[in-house]
Amino acid sequence: MDDQEELQKQLQELIVEHRDLDDVIQHLFEHKPANQLQVQRLKKRKLVLKDQINNIENQLLPDIIA
């Protein structure tokens, strides 16, 4: 497996995890009094994932010099 394929695989895993965290956070707000500390940690994890997703997307896209 080359680097591009590995990055694509990692990107898809991060996107799925990010989406799953969205669902968990939404579920916490809908079905019980949300533990604010838990929600805060989940949101922080989501931000870390988003940064990782952006970094991988930047690696996969070639630099365009205008």
Protein backbone atom coordinates (compact mmCIF):
# COMPACT_ATOMS: atom_id res chain seq x y z
CA MET A 1 0.00 0.00 0.00
CA ASP A 2 1.49 3.34 -0.97
CA ASP A 3 1.42 6.56 1.04
CA GLN A 4 -1.56 8.01 -0.82
CA GLU A 5 -3.69 4.93 -0.14
CA GLU A 6 -2.64 4.88 3.51
CA LEU A 7 -3.55 8.57 3.90
CA GLN A 8 -6.92 7.96 2.21
CA LYS A 9 -7.66 5.09 4.57
CA GLN A 10 -6.64 7.12 7.61
CA LEU A 11 -8.73 10.05 6.37
CA GLN A 12 -11.84 7.90 6.05
CA GLU A 13 -11.36 6.50 9.55
CA LEU A 14 -11.02 9.99 11.01
CA ILE A 15 -14.11 11.22 9.16
CA VAL A 16 -16.15 8.30 10.50
CA GLU A 17 -14.92 8.92 14.04
CA HIS A 18 -15.71 12.64 13.73
CA ARG A 19 -19.23 11.84 12.51
CA ASP A 20 -19.72 9.31 15.32
CA LEU A 21 -18.73 11.91 17.90
CA ASP A 22 -21.36 14.24 16.44
CA ASP A 23 -23.96 11.53 16.97
CA VAL A 24 -22.83 10.84 20.54
CA ILE A 25 -22.91 14.53 21.48
CA GLN A 26 -26.35 14.93 19.93
CA HIS A 27 -27.58 11.83 21.78
CA LEU A 28 -26.29 13.17 25.10
CA PHE A 29 -28.24 16.40 24.65
CA GLU A 30 -31.46 14.67 23.56
CA HIS A 31 -31.81 11.80 25.99
CA LYS A 32 -30.46 12.83 29.37
CA PRO A 33 -29.04 15.77 31.22
CA ALA A 34 -25.69 16.19 29.53
CA ASN A 35 -22.57 15.82 31.63
CA GLN A 36 -20.87 19.07 30.67
CA LEU A 37 -17.37 17.75 31.31
CA GLN A 38 -18.01 14.73 29.09
CA VAL A 39 -19.48 16.90 26.33
CA GLN A 40 -16.55 19.29 26.58
CA ARG A 41 -14.07 16.42 26.20
CA LEU A 42 -15.97 15.02 23.23
CA LYS A 43 -16.02 18.42 21.53
CA LYS A 44 -12.30 18.84 22.14
CA ARG A 45 -11.68 15.41 20.58
CA LYS A 46 -13.81 16.47 17.61
CA LEU A 47 -11.62 19.55 17.11
CA VAL A 48 -8.47 17.43 17.23
CA LEU A 49 -9.98 15.08 14.65
CA LYS A 50 -10.95 18.01 12.43
CA ASP A 51 -7.37 19.29 12.53
CA GLN A 52 -6.05 15.84 11.64
CA ILE A 53 -8.56 15.57 8.78
CA ASN A 54 -7.48 18.97 7.44
CA ASN A 55 -3.81 18.02 7.67
CA ILE A 56 -4.33 14.81 5.72
CA GLU A 57 -6.47 16.56 3.10
CA ASN A 58 -3.68 19.11 2.66
CA GLN A 59 -1.18 16.30 2.17
CA LEU A 60 -3.38 14.63 -0.43
CA LEU A 61 -4.05 17.78 -2.45
CA PRO A 62 -1.17 19.05 -4.53
CA ASP A 63 0.04 22.59 -3.91
CA ILE A 64 -1.34 24.95 -6.52
CA ILE A 65 0.81 27.92 -7.32
CA ALA A 66 -1.26 30.69 -8.83
